[in-house]
Amino acid sequence: MALLKSVKGIEPQFGQNCWLADNATVVGDVRMGRDCTVWFNAVIRGDVNAITFGDRCNVQDGAVIHCTYQRTKTTIGNNVSIAHNAIVHGCTIEDEVLIGMGAIVMDGAVIGSRSIIAAGAIITQNTVVPPGSIYAGNPARFLKAVSDEQAEVFMRTANNYVMYADWFK
């Protein structure tokens, strides 16, 4: 069973049909919508500020979601995929976003809807990624607009992770 802990009397809350891997960790002021999944070795730490997820989000293996004490909450929209070993910290991620493997999104950043943050990209503090953008590099910069073909990844990945979770239930 996943490690769930309250912090200062605040417990994580989960919507319908959420699934957490046995060694996932979720603590404190974390609220998830329905059909969210948290995978192996992922850590979601709402100990110093709030972390909120919409529906159909997946936090893949080894990812870390955190925030900054008295400064930045983390807000994540609907149909967001946070890939393996990514770090999402004190930022806003709008709907239908893919955060690539090993990417880092720092405090105050805003990732616009239907955007892709490439694997290994580092989104520096207070960066605003316009909707429909692909950002890559260190520091991450605009690469190109998301094509219609690439945009299929948002819903496909969100749907796949709900299906994958069913395999473990």
C-alpha atoms as a PDB file:
ATOM      1  CA  MET A   1       0.000   0.000   0.000  1.00  0.00           C
ATOM      2  CA  ALA A   2       1.205   3.517  -0.825  1.00  0.00           C
ATOM      3  CA  LEU A   3       2.619   5.655   1.963  1.00  0.00           C
ATOM      4  CA  LEU A   4      -0.022   8.261   2.804  1.00  0.00           C
ATOM      5  CA  LYS A   5       0.706  10.706   5.631  1.00  0.00           C
ATOM      6  CA  SER A   6      -1.080  13.655   7.131  1.00  0.00           C
ATOM      7  CA  VAL A   7       0.919  16.795   7.878  1.00  0.00           C
ATOM      8  CA  LYS A   8      -0.309  19.212  10.543  1.00  0.00           C
ATOM      9  CA  GLY A   9      -3.647  17.393  10.473  1.00  0.00           C
ATOM     10  CA  ILE A  10      -4.124  17.686   6.692  1.00  0.00           C
ATOM     11  CA  GLU A  11      -4.533  14.409   4.789  1.00  0.00           C
ATOM     12  CA  PRO A  12      -4.250  13.771   1.061  1.00  0.00           C
ATOM     13  CA  GLN A  13      -7.629  13.549  -0.714  1.00  0.00           C
ATOM     14  CA  PHE A  14      -8.374  11.494  -3.802  1.00  0.00           C
ATOM     15  CA  GLY A  15     -11.202  11.531  -6.335  1.00  0.00           C
ATOM     16  CA  GLN A  16     -12.945   8.443  -7.670  1.00  0.00           C
ATOM     17  CA  ASN A  17     -10.939   5.692  -9.343  1.00  0.00           C
ATOM     18  CA  CYS A  18      -7.447   6.928  -8.383  1.00  0.00           C
ATOM     19  CA  TRP A  19      -4.651   4.381  -8.132  1.00  0.00           C
ATOM     20  CA  LEU A  20      -1.353   4.595  -6.247  1.00  0.00           C
ATOM     21  CA  ALA A  21       1.540   2.164  -6.583  1.00  0.00           C
ATOM     22  CA  ASP A  22       2.581   0.279  -3.473  1.00  0.00           C
ATOM     23  CA  ASN A  23       5.700   2.390  -2.947  1.00  0.00           C
ATOM     24  CA  ALA A  24       4.341   5.789  -4.004  1.00  0.00           C
ATOM     25  CA  THR A  25       4.410   8.490  -1.327  1.00  0.00           C
ATOM     26  CA  VAL A  26       1.726  11.173  -0.966  1.00  0.00           C
ATOM     27  CA  VAL A  27       1.754  13.472   2.052  1.00  0.00           C
ATOM     28  CA  GLY A  28      -0.068  16.514   3.362  1.00  0.00           C
ATOM     29  CA  ASP A  29      -2.209  18.984   1.440  1.00  0.00           C
ATOM     30  CA  VAL A  30      -2.605  17.051  -1.808  1.00  0.00           C
ATOM     31  CA  ARG A  31      -5.922  16.931  -3.670  1.00  0.00           C
ATOM     32  CA  MET A  32      -6.447  14.776  -6.738  1.00  0.00           C
ATOM     33  CA  GLY A  33      -9.381  14.648  -9.087  1.00  0.00           C
ATOM     34  CA  ARG A  34     -10.775  11.421 -10.506  1.00  0.00           C
ATOM     35  CA  ASP A  35      -8.858   8.791 -12.506  1.00  0.00           C
ATOM     36  CA  CYS A  36      -5.413   9.968 -11.360  1.00  0.00           C
ATOM     37  CA  THR A  37      -2.489   7.566 -11.010  1.00  0.00           C
ATOM     38  CA  VAL A  38       0.719   7.781  -9.000  1.00  0.00           C
ATOM     39  CA  TRP A  39       3.378   5.290 -10.047  1.00  0.00           C
ATOM     40  CA  PHE A  40       6.284   3.450  -8.449  1.00  0.00           C
ATOM     41  CA  ASN A  41       8.679   5.555  -6.347  1.00  0.00           C
ATOM     42  CA  ALA A  42       6.834   8.790  -7.141  1.00  0.00           C
ATOM     43  CA  VAL A  43       6.712  11.354  -4.326  1.00  0.00           C
ATOM     44  CA  ILE A  44       4.057  14.053  -3.936  1.00  0.00           C
ATOM     45  CA  ARG A  45       4.894  16.232  -0.931  1.00  0.00           C
ATOM     46  CA  GLY A  46       2.219  18.680   0.119  1.00  0.00           C
ATOM     47  CA  ASP A  47       3.925  19.340   3.427  1.00  0.00           C
ATOM     48  CA  VAL A  48       4.876  23.000   2.991  1.00  0.00           C
ATOM     49  CA  ASN A  49       2.102  24.163   0.653  1.00  0.00           C
ATOM     50  CA  ALA A  50      -0.845  22.822  -1.350  1.00  0.00           C
ATOM     51  CA  ILE A  51      -0.678  20.575  -4.413  1.00  0.00           C
ATOM     52  CA  THR A  52      -3.826  20.231  -6.512  1.00  0.00           C
ATOM     53  CA  PHE A  53      -4.464  17.945  -9.486  1.00  0.00           C
ATOM     54  CA  GLY A  54      -7.383  17.921 -11.889  1.00  0.00           C
ATOM     55  CA  ASP A  55      -8.773  14.725 -13.426  1.00  0.00           C
ATOM     56  CA  ARG A  56      -6.895  12.006 -15.333  1.00  0.00           C
ATOM     57  CA  CYS A  57      -3.386  13.012 -14.319  1.00  0.00           C
ATOM     58  CA  ASN A  58      -0.531  10.562 -14.100  1.00  0.00           C
ATOM     59  CA  VAL A  59       2.637  10.963 -12.057  1.00  0.00           C
ATOM     60  CA  GLN A  60       5.013   8.382 -13.436  1.00  0.00           C
ATOM     61  CA  ASP A  61       7.814   6.397 -11.816  1.00  0.00           C
ATOM     62  CA  GLY A  62      10.297   8.393  -9.759  1.00  0.00           C
ATOM     63  CA  ALA A  63       8.699  11.788 -10.363  1.00  0.00           C
ATOM     64  CA  VAL A  64       8.704  14.357  -7.553  1.00  0.00           C
ATOM     65  CA  ILE A  65       5.997  16.987  -7.045  1.00  0.00           C
ATOM     66  CA  HIS A  66       6.640  19.625  -4.367  1.00  0.00           C
ATOM     67  CA  CYS A  67       6.145  23.344  -3.619  1.00  0.00           C
ATOM     68  CA  THR A  68       7.729  26.164  -1.618  1.00  0.00           C
ATOM     69  CA  TYR A  69       6.845  27.101   1.939  1.00  0.00           C
ATOM     70  CA  GLN A  70       4.672  30.237   2.103  1.00  0.00           C
ATOM     71  CA  ARG A  71       5.451  31.106  -1.521  1.00  0.00           C
ATOM     72  CA  THR A  72       4.337  28.746  -4.259  1.00  0.00           C
ATOM     73  CA  LYS A  73       1.628  26.127  -4.506  1.00  0.00           C
ATOM     74  CA  THR A  74       1.631  23.532  -7.257  1.00  0.00           C
ATOM     75  CA  THR A  75      -1.470  23.454  -9.433  1.00  0.00           C
ATOM     76  CA  ILE A  76      -1.892  20.811 -12.121  1.00  0.00           C
ATOM     77  CA  GLY A  77      -4.806  20.777 -14.566  1.00  0.00           C
ATOM     78  CA  ASN A  78      -6.681  17.934 -16.275  1.00  0.00           C
ATOM     79  CA  ASN A  79      -5.133  15.245 -18.495  1.00  0.00           C
ATOM     80  CA  VAL A  80      -1.563  16.047 -17.455  1.00  0.00           C
ATOM     81  CA  SER A  81       1.219  13.481 -17.758  1.00  0.00           C
ATOM     82  CA  ILE A  82       4.328  13.913 -15.645  1.00  0.00           C
ATOM     83  CA  ALA A  83       6.843  11.428 -16.998  1.00  0.00           C
ATOM     84  CA  HIS A  84       9.466   9.306 -15.278  1.00  0.00           C
ATOM     85  CA  ASN A  85      11.885  11.137 -12.957  1.00  0.00           C
ATOM     86  CA  ALA A  86      10.489  14.603 -13.705  1.00  0.00           C
ATOM     87  CA  ILE A  87      10.471  17.288 -11.005  1.00  0.00           C
ATOM     88  CA  VAL A  88       7.542  19.697 -10.779  1.00  0.00           C
ATOM     89  CA  HIS A  89       8.032  22.362  -8.108  1.00  0.00           C
ATOM     90  CA  GLY A  90       5.793  25.250  -7.067  1.00  0.00           C
ATOM     91  CA  CYS A  91       4.351  25.942 -10.502  1.00  0.00           C
ATOM     92  CA  THR A  92       1.167  25.892 -12.544  1.00  0.00           C
ATOM     93  CA  ILE A  93       0.591  23.322 -15.246  1.00  0.00           C
ATOM     94  CA  GLU A  94      -2.543  23.891 -17.277  1.00  0.00           C
ATOM     95  CA  ASP A  95      -4.708  21.233 -19.002  1.00  0.00           C
ATOM     96  CA  GLU A  96      -3.403  18.633 -21.466  1.00  0.00           C
ATOM     97  CA  VAL A  97       0.321  18.998 -20.857  1.00  0.00           C
ATOM     98  CA  LEU A  98       3.134  16.461 -21.130  1.00  0.00           C
ATOM     99  CA  ILE A  99       6.148  16.994 -18.869  1.00  0.00           C
ATOM    100  CA  GLY A 100       8.875  14.797 -20.381  1.00  0.00           C
ATOM    101  CA  MET A 101      11.167  12.312 -18.690  1.00  0.00           C
ATOM    102  CA  GLY A 102      13.692  13.952 -16.393  1.00  0.00           C
ATOM    103  CA  ALA A 103      12.358  17.458 -17.046  1.00  0.00           C
ATOM    104  CA  ILE A 104      12.372  20.063 -14.279  1.00  0.00           C
ATOM    105  CA  VAL A 105       9.744  22.781 -13.873  1.00  0.00           C
ATOM    106  CA  MET A 106      10.678  25.383 -11.253  1.00  0.00           C
ATOM    107  CA  ASP A 107       8.815  27.769  -8.945  1.00  0.00           C
ATOM    108  CA  GLY A 108       6.500  30.321 -10.467  1.00  0.00           C
ATOM    109  CA  ALA A 109       6.573  28.785 -13.941  1.00  0.00           C
ATOM    110  CA  VAL A 110       3.324  28.508 -15.872  1.00  0.00           C
ATOM    111  CA  ILE A 111       3.015  25.803 -18.514  1.00  0.00           C
ATOM    112  CA  GLY A 112       0.228  26.694 -20.941  1.00  0.00           C
ATOM    113  CA  SER A 113      -2.337  24.121 -22.008  1.00  0.00           C
ATOM    114  CA  ARG A 114      -1.556  21.612 -24.760  1.00  0.00           C
ATOM    115  CA  SER A 115       2.201  22.118 -24.347  1.00  0.00           C
ATOM    116  CA  ILE A 116       5.069  19.654 -24.259  1.00  0.00           C
ATOM    117  CA  ILE A 117       8.137  20.066 -22.059  1.00  0.00           C
ATOM    118  CA  ALA A 118      10.783  17.890 -23.691  1.00  0.00           C
ATOM    119  CA  ALA A 119      12.694  15.176 -21.852  1.00  0.00           C
ATOM    120  CA  GLY A 120      15.519  16.682 -19.812  1.00  0.00           C
ATOM    121  CA  ALA A 121      14.323  20.261 -20.270  1.00  0.00           C
ATOM    122  CA  ILE A 122      14.748  22.721 -17.425  1.00  0.00           C
ATOM    123  CA  ILE A 123      12.019  25.333 -17.126  1.00  0.00           C
ATOM    124  CA  THR A 124      13.568  28.045 -14.988  1.00  0.00           C
ATOM    125  CA  GLN A 125      11.820  30.052 -12.294  1.00  0.00           C
ATOM    126  CA  ASN A 126       8.902  32.245 -13.439  1.00  0.00           C
ATOM    127  CA  THR A 127       9.066  31.107 -17.088  1.00  0.00           C
ATOM    128  CA  VAL A 128       5.736  31.329 -18.911  1.00  0.00           C
ATOM    129  CA  VAL A 129       5.304  28.713 -21.635  1.00  0.00           C
ATOM    130  CA  PRO A 130       2.567  29.827 -24.062  1.00  0.00           C
ATOM    131  CA  PRO A 131      -0.217  27.333 -24.834  1.00  0.00           C
ATOM    132  CA  GLY A 132       0.559  24.889 -27.620  1.00  0.00           C
ATOM    133  CA  SER A 133       4.355  25.160 -27.311  1.00  0.00           C
ATOM    134  CA  ILE A 134       7.194  22.686 -27.218  1.00  0.00           C
ATOM    135  CA  TYR A 135      10.054  23.794 -24.965  1.00  0.00           C
ATOM    136  CA  ALA A 136      13.408  21.992 -24.829  1.00  0.00           C
ATOM    137  CA  GLY A 137      16.934  22.489 -23.512  1.00  0.00           C
ATOM    138  CA  ASN A 138      18.690  23.900 -20.466  1.00  0.00           C
ATOM    139  CA  PRO A 139      17.475  26.488 -19.881  1.00  0.00           C
ATOM    140  CA  ALA A 140      14.440  25.495 -21.894  1.00  0.00           C
ATOM    141  CA  ARG A 141      13.483  27.639 -24.854  1.00  0.00           C
ATOM    142  CA  PHE A 142      10.688  27.595 -27.416  1.00  0.00           C
ATOM    143  CA  LEU A 143      11.382  24.884 -29.999  1.00  0.00           C
ATOM    144  CA  LYS A 144       8.198  24.909 -32.078  1.00  0.00           C
ATOM    145  CA  ALA A 145       4.422  24.784 -31.888  1.00  0.00           C
ATOM    146  CA  VAL A 146       2.710  21.500 -31.068  1.00  0.00           C
ATOM    147  CA  SER A 147       1.333  19.988 -34.279  1.00  0.00           C
ATOM    148  CA  ASP A 148      -2.098  18.395 -34.477  1.00  0.00           C
ATOM    149  CA  GLU A 149      -0.389  15.004 -34.754  1.00  0.00           C
ATOM    150  CA  GLN A 150       1.733  15.657 -31.653  1.00  0.00           C
ATOM    151  CA  ALA A 151      -1.321  16.908 -29.725  1.00  0.00           C
ATOM    152  CA  GLU A 152      -2.748  13.389 -29.782  1.00  0.00           C
ATOM    153  CA  VAL A 153      -0.224  12.498 -27.076  1.00  0.00           C
ATOM    154  CA  PHE A 154      -2.144  14.395 -24.379  1.00  0.00           C
ATOM    155  CA  MET A 155      -5.339  12.342 -24.326  1.00  0.00           C
ATOM    156  CA  ARG A 156      -3.668   9.108 -25.467  1.00  0.00           C
ATOM    157  CA  THR A 157      -1.231   9.171 -22.547  1.00  0.00           C
ATOM    158  CA  ALA A 158      -3.897  10.203 -20.013  1.00  0.00           C
ATOM    159  CA  ASN A 159      -6.179   7.388 -21.207  1.00  0.00           C
ATOM    160  CA  ASN A 160      -3.374   4.822 -21.314  1.00  0.00           C
ATOM    161  CA  TYR A 161      -2.360   5.463 -17.718  1.00  0.00           C
ATOM    162  CA  VAL A 162      -5.926   4.940 -16.502  1.00  0.00           C
ATOM    163  CA  MET A 163      -5.890   1.634 -18.423  1.00  0.00           C
ATOM    164  CA  TYR A 164      -2.461   0.632 -17.055  1.00  0.00           C
ATOM    165  CA  ALA A 165      -3.687   1.233 -13.490  1.00  0.00           C
ATOM    166  CA  ASP A 166      -6.572  -1.170 -14.115  1.00  0.00           C
ATOM    167  CA  TRP A 167      -4.008  -3.913 -14.763  1.00  0.00           C
ATOM    168  CA  PHE A 168      -2.817  -3.566 -11.158  1.00  0.00           C
ATOM    169  CA  LYS A 169      -6.202  -3.446  -9.440  1.00  0.00           C
END
